[in-house]
Amino acid sequence: GPEIDRRATLGNPKAFKFTKPKVDGLNF
């Protein structure tokens, strides 16, 4: 997690698209 967070500040957040899971209500 911390390394992804660090590298995320250096990259383009919209470079690659990942689909968000579809879950009803407030569950994840």
PDB file of all heavy atoms in Angstrom:
ATOM      1  N   GLY A   1       0.786  -1.229   0.000  1.00  0.00           N
ATOM      2  CA  GLY A   1       0.000   0.000   0.000  1.00  0.00           C
ATOM      3  C   GLY A   1       0.818   1.279   0.000  1.00  0.00           C
ATOM      4  O   GLY A   1       0.600   2.161  -0.851  1.00  0.00           O
ATOM      5  N   PRO A   2       1.760   1.437   0.932  1.00  0.00           N
ATOM      6  CA  PRO A   2       2.552   2.671   0.972  1.00  0.00           C
ATOM      7  C   PRO A   2       3.353   2.909  -0.308  1.00  0.00           C
ATOM      8  O   PRO A   2       3.495   4.047  -0.755  1.00  0.00           O
ATOM      9  CB  PRO A   2       3.477   2.455   2.177  1.00  0.00           C
ATOM     10  CG  PRO A   2       2.726   1.500   3.053  1.00  0.00           C
ATOM     11  CD  PRO A   2       2.022   0.578   2.113  1.00  0.00           C
ATOM     12  N   GLU A   3       3.873   1.829  -0.917  1.00  0.00           N
ATOM     13  CA  GLU A   3       4.659   1.982  -2.140  1.00  0.00           C
ATOM     14  C   GLU A   3       3.772   2.357  -3.325  1.00  0.00           C
ATOM     15  O   GLU A   3       4.147   3.186  -4.164  1.00  0.00           O
ATOM     16  CB  GLU A   3       5.423   0.684  -2.443  1.00  0.00           C
ATOM     17  CG  GLU A   3       6.291   0.720  -3.694  1.00  0.00           C
ATOM     18  CD  GLU A   3       7.433   1.732  -3.640  1.00  0.00           C
ATOM     19  OE1 GLU A   3       7.687   2.317  -2.560  1.00  0.00           O
ATOM     20  OE2 GLU A   3       8.076   1.934  -4.684  1.00  0.00           O
ATOM     21  N   ILE A   4       2.579   1.763  -3.402  1.00  0.00           N
ATOM     22  CA  ILE A   4       1.632   2.143  -4.456  1.00  0.00           C
ATOM     23  C   ILE A   4       1.245   3.612  -4.296  1.00  0.00           C
ATOM     24  O   ILE A   4       1.173   4.367  -5.273  1.00  0.00           O
ATOM     25  CB  ILE A   4       0.382   1.235  -4.420  1.00  0.00           C
ATOM     26  CG1 ILE A   4       0.747  -0.177  -4.890  1.00  0.00           C
ATOM     27  CG2 ILE A   4      -0.735   1.814  -5.295  1.00  0.00           C
ATOM     28  CD1 ILE A   4      -0.402  -1.172  -4.822  1.00  0.00           C
ATOM     29  N   ASP A   5       1.019   4.027  -3.060  1.00  0.00           N
ATOM     30  CA  ASP A   5       0.658   5.419  -2.778  1.00  0.00           C
ATOM     31  C   ASP A   5       1.774   6.363  -3.220  1.00  0.00           C
ATOM     32  O   ASP A   5       1.534   7.397  -3.851  1.00  0.00           O
ATOM     33  CB  ASP A   5       0.379   5.574  -1.280  1.00  0.00           C
ATOM     34  CG  ASP A   5      -0.143   6.962  -0.926  1.00  0.00           C
ATOM     35  OD1 ASP A   5      -0.723   7.637  -1.812  1.00  0.00           O
ATOM     36  OD2 ASP A   5       0.011   7.369   0.236  1.00  0.00           O
ATOM     37  N   ARG A   6       3.006   5.992  -2.905  1.00  0.00           N
ATOM     38  CA  ARG A   6       4.149   6.839  -3.269  1.00  0.00           C
ATOM     39  C   ARG A   6       4.281   6.956  -4.788  1.00  0.00           C
ATOM     40  O   ARG A   6       4.456   8.051  -5.332  1.00  0.00           O
ATOM     41  CB  ARG A   6       5.442   6.257  -2.685  1.00  0.00           C
ATOM     42  CG  ARG A   6       6.674   7.125  -2.900  1.00  0.00           C
ATOM     43  CD  ARG A   6       7.935   6.453  -2.400  1.00  0.00           C
ATOM     44  NE  ARG A   6       8.344   5.358  -3.278  1.00  0.00           N
ATOM     45  CZ  ARG A   6       9.017   5.529  -4.426  1.00  0.00           C
ATOM     46  NH1 ARG A   6       9.330   6.751  -4.832  1.00  0.00           N
ATOM     47  NH2 ARG A   6       9.377   4.488  -5.142  1.00  0.00           N
ATOM     48  N   ARG A   7       4.178   5.827  -5.471  1.00  0.00           N
ATOM     49  CA  ARG A   7       4.330   5.832  -6.929  1.00  0.00           C
ATOM     50  C   ARG A   7       3.138   6.491  -7.617  1.00  0.00           C
ATOM     51  O   ARG A   7       3.285   7.065  -8.706  1.00  0.00           O
ATOM     52  CB  ARG A   7       4.530   4.407  -7.441  1.00  0.00           C
ATOM     53  CG  ARG A   7       5.890   3.820  -7.071  1.00  0.00           C
ATOM     54  CD  ARG A   7       6.116   2.467  -7.710  1.00  0.00           C
ATOM     55  NE  ARG A   7       7.483   1.999  -7.489  1.00  0.00           N
ATOM     56  CZ  ARG A   7       8.535   2.334  -8.240  1.00  0.00           C
ATOM     57  NH1 ARG A   7       8.338   3.153  -9.291  1.00  0.00           N
ATOM     58  NH2 ARG A   7       9.727   1.872  -7.986  1.00  0.00           N
ATOM     59  N   ALA A   8       1.966   6.398  -6.977  1.00  0.00           N
ATOM     60  CA  ALA A   8       0.764   7.001  -7.568  1.00  0.00           C
ATOM     61  C   ALA A   8       0.914   8.505  -7.732  1.00  0.00           C
ATOM     62  O   ALA A   8       0.356   9.105  -8.663  1.00  0.00           O
ATOM     63  CB  ALA A   8      -0.456   6.682  -6.711  1.00  0.00           C
ATOM     64  N   THR A   9       1.667   9.131  -6.836  1.00  0.00           N
ATOM     65  CA  THR A   9       1.874  10.583  -6.915  1.00  0.00           C
ATOM     66  C   THR A   9       2.743  10.965  -8.114  1.00  0.00           C
ATOM     67  O   THR A   9       2.788  12.129  -8.518  1.00  0.00           O
ATOM     68  CB  THR A   9       2.535  11.118  -5.632  1.00  0.00           C
ATOM     69  OG1 THR A   9       3.840  10.517  -5.484  1.00  0.00           O
ATOM     70  CG2 THR A   9       1.698  10.782  -4.402  1.00  0.00           C
ATOM     71  N   LEU A  10       3.441   9.966  -8.686  1.00  0.00           N
ATOM     72  CA  LEU A  10       4.348  10.219  -9.811  1.00  0.00           C
ATOM     73  C   LEU A  10       3.749   9.810 -11.154  1.00  0.00           C
ATOM     74  O   LEU A  10       4.343  10.073 -12.197  1.00  0.00           O
ATOM     75  CB  LEU A  10       5.668   9.448  -9.604  1.00  0.00           C
ATOM     76  CG  LEU A  10       6.401   9.684  -8.283  1.00  0.00           C
ATOM     77  CD1 LEU A  10       7.574   8.726  -8.156  1.00  0.00           C
ATOM     78  CD2 LEU A  10       6.872  11.133  -8.201  1.00  0.00           C
ATOM     79  N   GLY A  11       2.573   9.152 -11.113  1.00  0.00           N
ATOM     80  CA  GLY A  11       1.998   8.624 -12.343  1.00  0.00           C
ATOM     81  C   GLY A  11       0.706   9.295 -12.758  1.00  0.00           C
ATOM     82  O   GLY A  11       0.192  10.192 -12.078  1.00  0.00           O
ATOM     83  N   ASN A  12       0.173   8.834 -13.883  1.00  0.00           N
ATOM     84  CA  ASN A  12      -1.086   9.337 -14.437  1.00  0.00           C
ATOM     85  C   ASN A  12      -2.227   8.432 -13.987  1.00  0.00           C
ATOM     86  O   ASN A  12      -2.286   7.262 -14.388  1.00  0.00           O
ATOM     87  CB  ASN A  12      -1.003   9.360 -15.970  1.00  0.00           C
ATOM     88  CG  ASN A  12      -2.309   9.773 -16.625  1.00  0.00           C
ATOM     89  OD1 ASN A  12      -3.258  10.193 -15.956  1.00  0.00           O
ATOM     90  ND2 ASN A  12      -2.373   9.644 -17.939  1.00  0.00           N
ATOM     91  N   PRO A  13      -3.146   8.920 -13.167  1.00  0.00           N
ATOM     92  CA  PRO A  13      -4.216   8.076 -12.633  1.00  0.00           C
ATOM     93  C   PRO A  13      -5.209   7.592 -13.681  1.00  0.00           C
ATOM     94  O   PRO A  13      -5.989   6.670 -13.422  1.00  0.00           O
ATOM     95  CB  PRO A  13      -4.901   8.987 -11.609  1.00  0.00           C
ATOM     96  CG  PRO A  13      -4.596  10.374 -12.069  1.00  0.00           C
ATOM     97  CD  PRO A  13      -3.231  10.300 -12.657  1.00  0.00           C
ATOM     98  N   LYS A  14      -5.186   8.196 -14.853  1.00  0.00           N
ATOM     99  CA  LYS A  14      -6.129   7.802 -15.906  1.00  0.00           C
ATOM    100  C   LYS A  14      -5.429   7.113 -17.078  1.00  0.00           C
ATOM    101  O   LYS A  14      -5.989   6.980 -18.167  1.00  0.00           O
ATOM    102  CB  LYS A  14      -6.908   9.025 -16.386  1.00  0.00           C
ATOM    103  CG  LYS A  14      -7.770   9.639 -15.285  1.00  0.00           C
ATOM    104  CD  LYS A  14      -8.606  10.797 -15.795  1.00  0.00           C
ATOM    105  CE  LYS A  14      -9.461  11.382 -14.669  1.00  0.00           C
ATOM    106  NZ  LYS A  14     -10.286  12.521 -15.106  1.00  0.00           N
ATOM    107  N   ALA A  15      -4.209   6.647 -16.830  1.00  0.00           N
ATOM    108  CA  ALA A  15      -3.443   5.976 -17.883  1.00  0.00           C
ATOM    109  C   ALA A  15      -4.090   4.654 -18.275  1.00  0.00           C
ATOM    110  O   ALA A  15      -4.129   4.287 -19.454  1.00  0.00           O
ATOM    111  CB  ALA A  15      -2.006   5.752 -17.428  1.00  0.00           C
ATOM    112  N   PHE A  16      -4.581   3.922 -17.276  1.00  0.00           N
ATOM    113  CA  PHE A  16      -5.209   2.627 -17.524  1.00  0.00           C
ATOM    114  C   PHE A  16      -6.546   2.568 -16.784  1.00  0.00           C
ATOM    115  O   PHE A  16      -6.645   3.019 -15.652  1.00  0.00           O
ATOM    116  CB  PHE A  16      -4.298   1.483 -17.059  1.00  0.00           C
ATOM    117  CG  PHE A  16      -2.913   1.548 -17.651  1.00  0.00           C
ATOM    118  CD1 PHE A  16      -1.828   1.964 -16.877  1.00  0.00           C
ATOM    119  CD2 PHE A  16      -2.690   1.229 -18.985  1.00  0.00           C
ATOM    120  CE1 PHE A  16      -0.554   2.045 -17.411  1.00  0.00           C
ATOM    121  CE2 PHE A  16      -1.411   1.313 -19.539  1.00  0.00           C
ATOM    122  CZ  PHE A  16      -0.347   1.723 -18.752  1.00  0.00           C
ATOM    123  N   LYS A  17      -7.538   1.998 -17.430  1.00  0.00           N
ATOM    124  CA  LYS A  17      -8.881   1.976 -16.845  1.00  0.00           C
ATOM    125  C   LYS A  17      -9.200   0.592 -16.295  1.00  0.00           C
ATOM    126  O   LYS A  17      -9.076  -0.412 -16.991  1.00  0.00           O
ATOM    127  CB  LYS A  17      -9.922   2.365 -17.900  1.00  0.00           C
ATOM    128  CG  LYS A  17     -11.347   2.463 -17.351  1.00  0.00           C
ATOM    129  CD  LYS A  17     -12.298   2.971 -18.415  1.00  0.00           C
ATOM    130  CE  LYS A  17     -13.737   3.005 -17.937  1.00  0.00           C
ATOM    131  NZ  LYS A  17     -13.930   3.870 -16.761  1.00  0.00           N
ATOM    132  N   PHE A  18      -9.592   0.552 -15.015  1.00  0.00           N
ATOM    133  CA  PHE A  18     -10.034  -0.685 -14.383  1.00  0.00           C
ATOM    134  C   PHE A  18     -11.512  -0.540 -14.028  1.00  0.00           C
ATOM    135  O   PHE A  18     -11.940   0.489 -13.506  1.00  0.00           O
ATOM    136  CB  PHE A  18      -9.224  -0.976 -13.121  1.00  0.00           C
ATOM    137  CG  PHE A  18      -7.758  -1.198 -13.378  1.00  0.00           C
ATOM    138  CD1 PHE A  18      -6.825  -0.213 -13.069  1.00  0.00           C
ATOM    139  CD2 PHE A  18      -7.315  -2.373 -13.960  1.00  0.00           C
ATOM    140  CE1 PHE A  18      -5.476  -0.403 -13.311  1.00  0.00           C
ATOM    141  CE2 PHE A  18      -5.954  -2.576 -14.212  1.00  0.00           C
ATOM    142  CZ  PHE A  18      -5.046  -1.593 -13.888  1.00  0.00           C
ATOM    143  N   THR A  19     -12.272  -1.582 -14.312  1.00  0.00           N
ATOM    144  CA  THR A  19     -13.705  -1.545 -14.040  1.00  0.00           C
ATOM    145  C   THR A  19     -13.977  -1.627 -12.541  1.00  0.00           C
ATOM    146  O   THR A  19     -13.372  -2.435 -11.832  1.00  0.00           O
ATOM    147  CB  THR A  19     -14.423  -2.724 -14.741  1.00  0.00           C
ATOM    148  OG1 THR A  19     -14.140  -2.653 -16.138  1.00  0.00           O
ATOM    149  CG2 THR A  19     -15.930  -2.658 -14.525  1.00  0.00           C
ATOM    150  N   LYS A  20     -14.899  -0.800 -12.063  1.00  0.00           N
ATOM    151  CA  LYS A  20     -15.305  -0.856 -10.656  1.00  0.00           C
ATOM    152  C   LYS A  20     -16.313  -1.995 -10.467  1.00  0.00           C
ATOM    153  O   LYS A  20     -17.262  -2.107 -11.255  1.00  0.00           O
ATOM    154  CB  LYS A  20     -15.946   0.462 -10.219  1.00  0.00           C
ATOM    155  CG  LYS A  20     -15.026   1.662 -10.258  1.00  0.00           C
ATOM    156  CD  LYS A  20     -15.789   2.926  -9.877  1.00  0.00           C
ATOM    157  CE  LYS A  20     -14.919   4.166  -9.994  1.00  0.00           C
ATOM    158  NZ  LYS A  20     -15.687   5.404  -9.697  1.00  0.00           N
ATOM    159  N   PRO A  21     -16.146  -2.821  -9.433  1.00  0.00           N
ATOM    160  CA  PRO A  21     -17.108  -3.893  -9.173  1.00  0.00           C
ATOM    161  C   PRO A  21     -18.497  -3.320  -8.894  1.00  0.00           C
ATOM    162  O   PRO A  21     -18.629  -2.294  -8.231  1.00  0.00           O
ATOM    163  CB  PRO A  21     -16.544  -4.585  -7.928  1.00  0.00           C
ATOM    164  CG  PRO A  21     -15.102  -4.205  -7.900  1.00  0.00           C
ATOM    165  CD  PRO A  21     -15.039  -2.836  -8.482  1.00  0.00           C
ATOM    166  N   LYS A  22     -19.528  -3.975  -9.412  1.00  0.00           N
ATOM    167  CA  LYS A  22     -20.899  -3.534  -9.178  1.00  0.00           C
ATOM    168  C   LYS A  22     -21.475  -4.301  -7.993  1.00  0.00           C
ATOM    169  O   LYS A  22     -21.733  -5.505  -8.088  1.00  0.00           O
ATOM    170  CB  LYS A  22     -21.742  -3.744 -10.434  1.00  0.00           C
ATOM    171  CG  LYS A  22     -21.380  -2.813 -11.587  1.00  0.00           C
ATOM    172  CD  LYS A  22     -22.280  -3.059 -12.785  1.00  0.00           C
ATOM    173  CE  LYS A  22     -22.072  -1.996 -13.865  1.00  0.00           C
ATOM    174  NZ  LYS A  22     -20.694  -1.965 -14.368  1.00  0.00           N
ATOM    175  N   VAL A  23     -21.655  -3.612  -6.885  1.00  0.00           N
ATOM    176  CA  VAL A  23     -22.203  -4.216  -5.669  1.00  0.00           C
ATOM    177  C   VAL A  23     -23.350  -3.348  -5.187  1.00  0.00           C
ATOM    178  O   VAL A  23     -23.201  -2.134  -5.037  1.00  0.00           O
ATOM    179  CB  VAL A  23     -21.130  -4.325  -4.558  1.00  0.00           C
ATOM    180  CG1 VAL A  23     -21.691  -5.055  -3.345  1.00  0.00           C
ATOM    181  CG2 VAL A  23     -19.896  -5.044  -5.081  1.00  0.00           C
ATOM    182  N   ASP A  24     -24.498  -3.961  -4.952  1.00  0.00           N
ATOM    183  CA  ASP A  24     -25.676  -3.209  -4.536  1.00  0.00           C
ATOM    184  C   ASP A  24     -25.498  -2.576  -3.156  1.00  0.00           C
ATOM    185  O   ASP A  24     -24.767  -3.102  -2.308  1.00  0.00           O
ATOM    186  CB  ASP A  24     -26.909  -4.117  -4.513  1.00  0.00           C
ATOM    187  CG  ASP A  24     -27.335  -4.546  -5.917  1.00  0.00           C
ATOM    188  OD1 ASP A  24     -26.986  -3.824  -6.870  1.00  0.00           O
ATOM    189  OD2 ASP A  24     -27.988  -5.591  -6.046  1.00  0.00           O
ATOM    190  N   GLY A  25     -26.202  -1.492  -2.936  1.00  0.00           N
ATOM    191  CA  GLY A  25     -26.224  -0.858  -1.621  1.00  0.00           C
ATOM    192  C   GLY A  25     -24.884  -0.285  -1.219  1.00  0.00           C
ATOM    193  O   GLY A  25     -24.106   0.208  -2.043  1.00  0.00           O
ATOM    194  N   LEU A  26     -24.577  -0.389   0.071  1.00  0.00           N
ATOM    195  CA  LEU A  26     -23.371   0.218   0.625  1.00  0.00           C
ATOM    196  C   LEU A  26     -22.235  -0.778   0.827  1.00  0.00           C
ATOM    197  O   LEU A  26     -21.201  -0.432   1.394  1.00  0.00           O
ATOM    198  CB  LEU A  26     -23.711   0.899   1.958  1.00  0.00           C
ATOM    199  CG  LEU A  26     -24.708   2.059   1.864  1.00  0.00           C
ATOM    200  CD1 LEU A  26     -25.063   2.583   3.251  1.00  0.00           C
ATOM    201  CD2 LEU A  26     -24.170   3.185   0.986  1.00  0.00           C
ATOM    202  N   ASN A  27     -22.429  -2.011   0.380  1.00  0.00           N
ATOM    203  CA  ASN A  27     -21.373  -3.016   0.527  1.00  0.00           C
ATOM    204  C   ASN A  27     -20.286  -2.842  -0.526  1.00  0.00           C
ATOM    205  O   ASN A  27     -20.494  -2.226  -1.574  1.00  0.00           O
ATOM    206  CB  ASN A  27     -21.958  -4.426   0.456  1.00  0.00           C
ATOM    207  CG  ASN A  27     -22.726  -4.793   1.713  1.00  0.00           C
ATOM    208  OD1 ASN A  27     -22.479  -4.233   2.788  1.00  0.00           O
ATOM    209  ND2 ASN A  27     -23.649  -5.724   1.602  1.00  0.00           N
ATOM    210  N   PHE A  28     -19.123  -3.418  -0.234  1.00  0.00           N
ATOM    211  CA  PHE A  28     -17.960  -3.328  -1.105  1.00  0.00           C
ATOM    212  C   PHE A  28     -17.557  -4.717  -1.597  1.00  0.00           C
ATOM    213  O   PHE A  28     -17.848  -5.722  -0.951  1.00  0.00           O
ATOM    214  CB  PHE A  28     -16.749  -2.745  -0.352  1.00  0.00           C
ATOM    215  CG  PHE A  28     -16.944  -1.366   0.192  1.00  0.00           C
ATOM    216  CD1 PHE A  28     -17.535  -1.170   1.438  1.00  0.00           C
ATOM    217  CD2 PHE A  28     -16.511  -0.257  -0.509  1.00  0.00           C
ATOM    218  CE1 PHE A  28     -17.699   0.099   1.967  1.00  0.00           C
ATOM    219  CE2 PHE A  28     -16.666   1.022   0.006  1.00  0.00           C
ATOM    220  CZ  PHE A  28     -17.261   1.199   1.245  1.00  0.00           C
TER     221      PHE A  28
END
